[in-house]
Protein backbone atom coordinates (compact mmCIF):
# COMPACT_ATOMS: atom_id res chain seq x y z
CA MET A 1 -37.71 -5.81 -36.07
CA LEU A 2 -36.34 -3.20 -34.36
CA THR A 3 -32.95 -3.83 -32.36
CA PHE A 4 -30.70 -2.49 -29.87
CA LYS A 5 -28.22 -2.21 -32.86
CA GLN A 6 -30.56 0.31 -34.62
CA ILE A 7 -30.82 2.27 -31.37
CA GLU A 8 -27.68 2.54 -30.75
CA ALA A 9 -26.62 3.48 -33.97
CA LEU A 10 -29.33 6.23 -33.69
CA TYR A 11 -28.20 7.69 -30.27
CA TRP A 12 -24.69 7.43 -31.14
CA ILE A 13 -25.20 9.40 -34.55
CA VAL A 14 -26.57 12.40 -32.75
CA GLN A 15 -24.12 12.63 -29.86
CA LEU A 16 -21.48 12.26 -32.19
CA GLY A 17 -22.98 14.36 -35.01
CA SER A 18 -21.87 12.06 -37.23
CA PHE A 19 -22.32 8.52 -38.77
CA GLU A 20 -18.37 8.36 -38.79
CA GLY A 21 -18.00 8.81 -35.08
CA ALA A 22 -20.64 6.63 -34.45
CA ALA A 23 -19.01 3.90 -36.01
CA SER A 24 -16.06 4.53 -33.89
CA LYS A 25 -17.81 4.84 -30.94
CA LEU A 26 -19.36 1.40 -31.73
CA ASN A 27 -16.40 -0.20 -33.10
CA ALA A 28 -17.94 -0.99 -36.56
CA SER A 29 -17.85 0.03 -40.45
CA GLN A 30 -19.51 3.32 -41.52
CA SER A 31 -21.45 1.17 -43.97
CA ALA A 32 -22.36 -0.94 -41.09
CA ILE A 33 -24.10 1.92 -38.85
CA SER A 34 -25.60 3.24 -42.07
CA LYS A 35 -27.39 -0.02 -42.98
CA ARG A 36 -28.83 0.28 -39.14
CA VAL A 37 -30.39 3.65 -39.83
CA GLN A 38 -31.94 2.11 -43.07
CA GLU A 39 -33.18 -0.66 -41.35
CA LEU A 40 -34.65 1.88 -38.64
CA GLU A 41 -36.13 3.68 -41.40
CA SER A 42 -37.82 0.69 -43.31
CA THR A 43 -39.40 -0.47 -39.65
CA PHE A 44 -40.88 2.59 -39.37
CA ASP A 45 -41.50 3.42 -43.15
CA LEU A 46 -40.64 7.12 -42.36
CA ALA A 47 -37.00 9.24 -42.70
CA VAL A 48 -34.68 9.93 -39.64
CA PHE A 49 -32.04 12.17 -41.02
CA ASP A 50 -32.88 14.81 -43.55
CA ARG A 51 -30.49 14.02 -46.61
CA THR A 52 -30.64 17.46 -47.82
CA HIS A 53 -28.12 18.54 -45.21
CA ARG A 54 -24.51 17.37 -45.27
CA SER A 55 -24.45 16.98 -41.39
CA ALA A 56 -26.45 14.14 -39.48
CA ARG A 57 -29.70 16.19 -38.68
CA LEU A 58 -33.03 14.26 -37.79
CA THR A 59 -35.95 14.89 -39.30
CA GLU A 60 -38.90 16.00 -37.16
CA LYS A 61 -39.74 11.94 -36.93
CA GLY A 62 -36.35 11.52 -36.06
CA GLU A 63 -36.13 13.74 -33.22
CA GLU A 64 -39.12 12.02 -31.88
CA LEU A 65 -37.72 8.46 -31.97
CA PHE A 66 -34.27 9.90 -30.84
CA ILE A 67 -36.13 10.44 -27.63
CA TYR A 68 -37.34 7.22 -27.33
CA ALA A 69 -34.43 5.64 -28.70
CA LYS A 70 -32.58 7.44 -25.67
CA GLU A 71 -35.16 6.34 -22.75
CA LEU A 72 -34.93 2.80 -24.08
CA LEU A 73 -30.93 2.18 -23.79
CA GLU A 74 -31.33 4.22 -20.51
CA ARG A 75 -33.98 1.45 -19.26
CA ARG A 76 -31.74 -1.05 -21.01
CA ASP A 77 -28.66 -0.22 -18.52
CA HIS A 78 -30.57 0.36 -15.49
CA ILE A 79 -32.01 -3.06 -15.78
CA VAL A 80 -29.16 -4.56 -16.33
CA GLU A 81 -27.36 -2.98 -13.98
CA ARG A 82 -29.53 -4.00 -11.17
CA VAL A 83 -30.01 -7.63 -12.20
CA SER A 84 -26.86 -8.25 -12.91
CA ALA A 85 -24.27 -9.34 -10.20
CA LYS A 86 -21.27 -7.24 -9.54
CA GLU A 87 -18.70 -10.09 -10.38
CA VAL A 88 -21.09 -10.17 -13.98
CA LEU A 89 -21.74 -7.27 -14.83
CA VAL A 90 -20.36 -6.17 -18.38
CA ARG A 91 -20.31 -2.18 -18.55
CA ARG A 92 -17.95 0.12 -19.92
CA LEU A 93 -16.95 3.16 -17.95
CA ARG A 94 -15.66 6.63 -19.20
CA LEU A 95 -13.84 8.38 -16.64
CA GLY A 96 -12.06 12.01 -16.38
CA VAL A 97 -10.44 13.11 -14.26
CA THR A 98 -7.72 15.86 -13.31
CA GLU A 99 -3.78 15.70 -13.37
CA LEU A 100 -4.00 15.72 -9.68
CA THR A 101 -6.16 13.17 -9.40
CA ALA A 102 -3.90 11.04 -12.34
CA LEU A 103 -0.71 12.27 -10.02
CA THR A 104 -2.42 10.78 -6.80
CA TRP A 105 -4.83 7.94 -5.98
CA LEU A 106 -6.52 7.45 -9.66
CA PRO A 107 -4.57 3.61 -9.67
CA ARG A 108 -5.77 2.62 -6.13
CA LEU A 109 -9.40 3.78 -7.55
CA ILE A 110 -9.40 1.79 -10.92
CA ALA A 111 -8.05 -1.47 -9.03
CA ALA A 112 -10.82 -0.99 -6.45
CA ILE A 113 -13.53 -0.74 -9.34
CA LYS A 114 -11.77 -3.76 -10.94
CA ARG A 115 -11.85 -5.41 -7.60
CA ASP A 116 -15.67 -4.81 -6.90
CA TYR A 117 -16.35 -5.11 -11.06
CA PRO A 118 -13.99 -7.47 -12.87
CA LYS A 119 -15.92 -7.45 -16.31
CA VAL A 120 -16.23 -3.40 -16.06
CA ILE A 121 -13.85 -1.77 -18.78
CA VAL A 122 -12.49 1.13 -17.04
CA GLU A 123 -11.41 3.78 -20.04
CA ALA A 124 -9.72 7.00 -18.08
CA GLU A 125 -8.97 10.37 -19.42
CA VAL A 126 -7.16 13.67 -18.34
CA GLU A 127 -8.47 16.61 -19.28
CA LEU A 128 -8.98 20.42 -17.46
CA SER A 129 -12.08 20.77 -15.50
CA ALA A 130 -13.75 22.50 -17.66
CA THR A 131 -13.19 20.14 -20.58
CA LEU A 132 -14.47 17.28 -18.73
CA ARG A 133 -17.54 19.30 -16.94
CA ASP A 134 -18.36 19.85 -21.25
CA ARG A 135 -17.69 16.17 -21.89
CA LEU A 136 -20.22 14.94 -19.09
CA THR A 137 -22.66 17.10 -20.86
CA ALA A 138 -22.24 15.93 -24.22
CA ASP A 139 -22.40 12.36 -22.64
CA THR A 140 -18.36 11.69 -23.86
CA VAL A 141 -17.81 10.51 -20.32
CA ASP A 142 -19.68 8.59 -17.79
CA PHE A 143 -17.85 10.17 -14.46
CA ILE A 144 -15.84 12.82 -13.73
CA ILE A 145 -13.62 13.97 -10.98
CA VAL A 146 -13.09 17.30 -10.82
CA PRO A 147 -12.93 20.56 -8.58
CA ALA A 148 -16.54 21.49 -7.34
CA ALA A 149 -18.16 24.74 -9.18
CA GLN A 150 -21.85 25.79 -9.08
CA ALA A 151 -24.40 23.24 -8.63
CA SER A 152 -26.33 22.06 -11.46
CA GLU A 153 -29.61 19.73 -11.67
CA ARG A 154 -28.27 18.23 -14.35
CA PHE A 155 -25.21 16.13 -12.15
CA VAL A 156 -25.40 14.40 -9.18
CA SER A 157 -21.98 15.49 -7.05
CA THR A 158 -20.85 13.61 -4.36
CA SER A 159 -18.18 15.37 -2.75
CA LEU A 160 -14.82 13.61 -2.03
CA ALA A 161 -12.18 16.02 -0.17
CA SER A 162 -10.73 19.30 0.52
CA VAL A 163 -7.04 20.24 -0.97
CA GLU A 164 -4.92 22.44 1.14
CA ASN A 165 -3.17 24.76 -1.01
CA ALA A 166 -0.14 26.89 -0.18
CA TRP A 167 1.97 29.66 -2.06
CA ILE A 168 5.11 28.09 -3.03
CA CYS A 169 8.39 28.71 -4.40
CA VAL A 170 12.03 28.15 -4.65
CA PRO A 171 13.51 29.11 -0.62
CA GLU A 172 15.52 31.83 -1.95
CA LEU A 173 11.92 33.48 -2.68
CA VAL A 174 10.65 33.37 0.64
CA PRO A 175 10.58 36.91 2.03
CA GLY A 176 10.70 35.58 5.75
CA LYS A 177 8.67 32.88 8.02
CA ARG A 178 6.12 35.71 8.79
CA ALA A 179 2.70 35.72 6.95
CA ILE A 180 2.21 38.70 4.81
CA PRO A 181 -0.62 40.26 3.44
CA LEU A 182 -2.27 38.76 0.74
CA SER A 183 -1.82 41.66 -1.30
CA GLU A 184 2.06 41.40 -1.38
CA ILE A 185 1.97 38.38 -2.75
CA SER A 186 1.90 40.50 -6.41
CA ARG A 187 5.19 41.95 -5.65
CA PHE A 188 6.51 38.37 -6.99
CA PRO A 189 6.05 36.67 -10.49
CA LEU A 190 2.83 34.19 -10.03
CA LEU A 191 2.54 31.25 -11.94
CA THR A 192 -1.24 30.15 -12.58
CA GLN A 193 -3.53 27.59 -13.89
CA GLY A 194 -5.60 29.04 -16.33
CA ASN A 195 -9.88 29.71 -16.33
CA LEU A 196 -10.31 26.32 -17.75
CA SER A 197 -8.98 24.91 -14.23
CA GLY A 198 -11.34 25.01 -11.90
CA THR A 199 -8.42 25.58 -9.33
CA GLY A 200 -7.34 28.29 -11.65
CA MET A 201 -10.70 30.06 -11.60
CA THR A 202 -11.56 29.61 -7.79
CA TYR A 203 -8.07 31.65 -7.25
CA GLY A 204 -8.32 33.62 -9.66
CA ARG A 205 -11.38 35.14 -8.64
CA PHE A 206 -10.27 34.45 -5.25
CA LEU A 207 -7.47 37.28 -5.66
CA GLN A 208 -9.91 39.18 -7.54
CA GLU A 209 -12.06 39.31 -4.43
CA ASN A 210 -9.15 40.61 -2.17
CA GLY A 211 -8.08 43.43 -4.22
CA VAL A 212 -5.06 41.49 -5.57
CA SER A 213 -3.79 42.40 -9.18
CA ALA A 214 -0.57 40.13 -10.59
CA PRO A 215 0.65 42.55 -13.78
CA LYS A 216 3.86 39.49 -13.08
CA LEU A 217 1.88 36.72 -14.35
CA LEU A 218 2.27 32.92 -16.10
CA SER A 219 -0.37 30.97 -17.08
CA SER A 220 0.31 27.41 -17.45
CA ASN A 221 -2.94 24.39 -18.09
CA ASN A 222 0.00 21.65 -17.29
CA LEU A 223 0.65 20.80 -13.24
CA ILE A 224 3.92 19.34 -14.02
CA ALA A 225 4.62 22.26 -16.07
CA GLN A 226 3.84 24.62 -13.18
CA ILE A 227 5.69 22.59 -11.01
CA GLY A 228 9.10 22.64 -13.05
CA LEU A 229 8.71 26.28 -13.53
CA THR A 230 8.35 26.83 -9.60
CA ARG A 231 11.53 24.53 -8.79
CA SER A 232 13.41 26.83 -11.50
CA GLY A 233 12.64 29.87 -9.59
CA MET A 234 10.90 31.06 -11.77
CA GLY A 235 8.08 32.44 -9.80
CA VAL A 236 5.36 31.56 -6.82
CA THR A 237 2.87 29.65 -7.76
CA TYR A 238 0.17 27.56 -5.91
CA LEU A 239 0.22 23.42 -5.08
CA PRO A 240 -0.78 21.03 -2.81
CA LYS A 241 0.61 21.59 0.29
CA ALA A 242 0.70 17.80 1.15
CA CYS A 243 1.51 16.28 -1.78
CA PHE A 244 4.72 18.46 -2.27
CA GLN A 245 5.44 19.14 1.82
CA TYR A 246 8.50 16.68 1.39
CA LEU A 247 9.99 18.57 -1.24
CA VAL A 248 9.71 21.89 1.30
CA ASP A 249 10.98 19.27 3.86
CA ASP A 250 14.17 18.69 2.10
CA GLY A 251 15.04 22.35 1.42
CA VAL A 252 14.26 22.16 -2.04
CA LEU A 253 10.91 24.68 -2.34
CA GLY A 254 9.72 26.83 0.32
CA ILE A 255 6.06 28.33 1.70
CA ILE A 256 4.99 31.71 2.05
CA ARG A 257 2.35 32.18 4.28
CA THR A 258 -0.27 34.70 3.57
CA THR A 259 -3.57 36.58 5.34
CA PRO A 260 -5.56 35.66 4.44
CA PRO A 261 -4.61 32.24 3.26
CA LEU A 262 -6.03 30.47 -0.09
CA PRO A 263 -8.72 28.44 0.55
CA PRO A 264 -9.18 25.13 0.56
CA ILE A 265 -10.72 23.24 -2.63
CA GLU A 266 -12.81 21.13 -2.89
CA TYR A 267 -13.39 18.13 -5.51
CA VAL A 268 -16.39 16.13 -6.03
CA ALA A 269 -17.25 13.13 -8.46
CA MET A 270 -19.85 13.75 -10.36
CA TYR A 271 -22.08 11.64 -13.09
CA ARG A 272 -24.99 12.84 -14.96
CA ALA A 273 -28.58 12.87 -13.12
CA ASP A 274 -30.51 11.20 -16.04
CA HIS A 275 -27.96 8.71 -16.09
CA ALA A 276 -28.13 7.94 -12.53
CA TYR A 277 -27.57 4.27 -12.97
CA THR A 278 -26.67 1.95 -10.03
CA LEU A 279 -22.88 1.51 -11.03
CA ASN A 280 -22.61 5.27 -11.01
CA SER A 281 -23.46 5.66 -7.49
CA GLU A 282 -21.00 2.73 -6.59
CA ILE A 283 -18.38 4.42 -8.19
CA ALA A 284 -18.92 7.63 -6.72
CA LYS A 285 -18.64 5.57 -2.69
CA LEU A 286 -15.73 3.82 -4.55
CA ALA A 287 -14.33 7.40 -5.11
CA ALA A 288 -15.11 8.70 -1.72
CA ALA A 289 -13.64 5.53 -0.03
CA CYS A 290 -9.90 6.02 -2.14
CA CYS A 291 -10.00 9.44 -1.93
CA ASP A 292 -6.64 10.33 -1.07
CA PHE A 293 -4.16 13.59 -2.42
CA ASN A 294 -1.98 13.52 0.57
CA SER A 295 0.67 12.00 -1.44
CA LEU A 296 2.05 12.07 -4.89
CA LEU A 297 2.94 8.68 -7.32
CA LEU A 298 6.09 9.19 -7.89
CA GLN A 299 6.76 10.63 -5.22
CA PRO A 300 10.35 9.25 -3.16
CA GLY A 301 9.63 7.00 0.08
CA GLU A 302 11.12 8.58 3.15
CA PRO A 303 14.00 6.12 3.60
CA SER A 304 15.18 7.17 0.35
CA ARG A 305 15.18 10.99 1.15
CA SER A 306 16.87 9.91 4.08
CA SER A 307 19.47 8.24 2.47
CA ALA A 308 19.99 10.94 0.29
CA ARG A 309 20.32 13.94 3.26
CA VAL A 310 23.08 11.48 4.50
CA ARG A 311 24.74 10.63 0.97
CA LYS A 312 24.68 15.36 0.94
């Protein structure tokens, strides 16, 4: 008899490329996964995988069965979400975010999900934008929050907020209070994010379109490292203005204004169009309600900063 365990084994072997990967995904032993495939083959009297190859390669009939298996699992999840009340819905949500979201409002979002869906297990991962998009395409995450990029019919995208960035450095490097032409930013060593970062890719293209050449350039895909290098006086970088305004107010960092200024970065919530379940759409609404890039989780409170100024 055909079972969902057999169908899930087939689906995840194909998605992850190996029996070992499927076993890890389904919290089962590799022998258990192999047995489920054997049962599936026995039920339909066909070979699902081509045993002449070392990799998990489907036979022609196996490919056809996989398509049906994928449809069955999607239909099952859709029915479960439509019929189940929020309080009793049991599912796992694989959530992917970039560093900025993790450092600002991610805990608020997870708390909201747990409040509305107490039995949904949230697995959160922090990666670069390009990596998260690749993983969403590969179906190894369910839902991502990233800077907006070119629209794709494969994904459902919900606009969240725009983040205003500014050129930031130690006060000694600020050339003055007046705005400078954007071309003059190349006078400074620039601390940028790489092209795997949505912000880095957007601003790299922005500088190129405005004819700005930056020979003194240090790239980092780690936001914390970028902040540390900036505070060490290594150069000028772009950072979310609202998040770091308290350091500007305290005289730790300064802002260089340029003409034209840096364009804002729009953040979106995304999930696969072929996985447009009720839960994903509801999580997108929660993300829109929770989204707030204005302060860091570790940002000291106003009273603490005031006291620090007095002690100085």
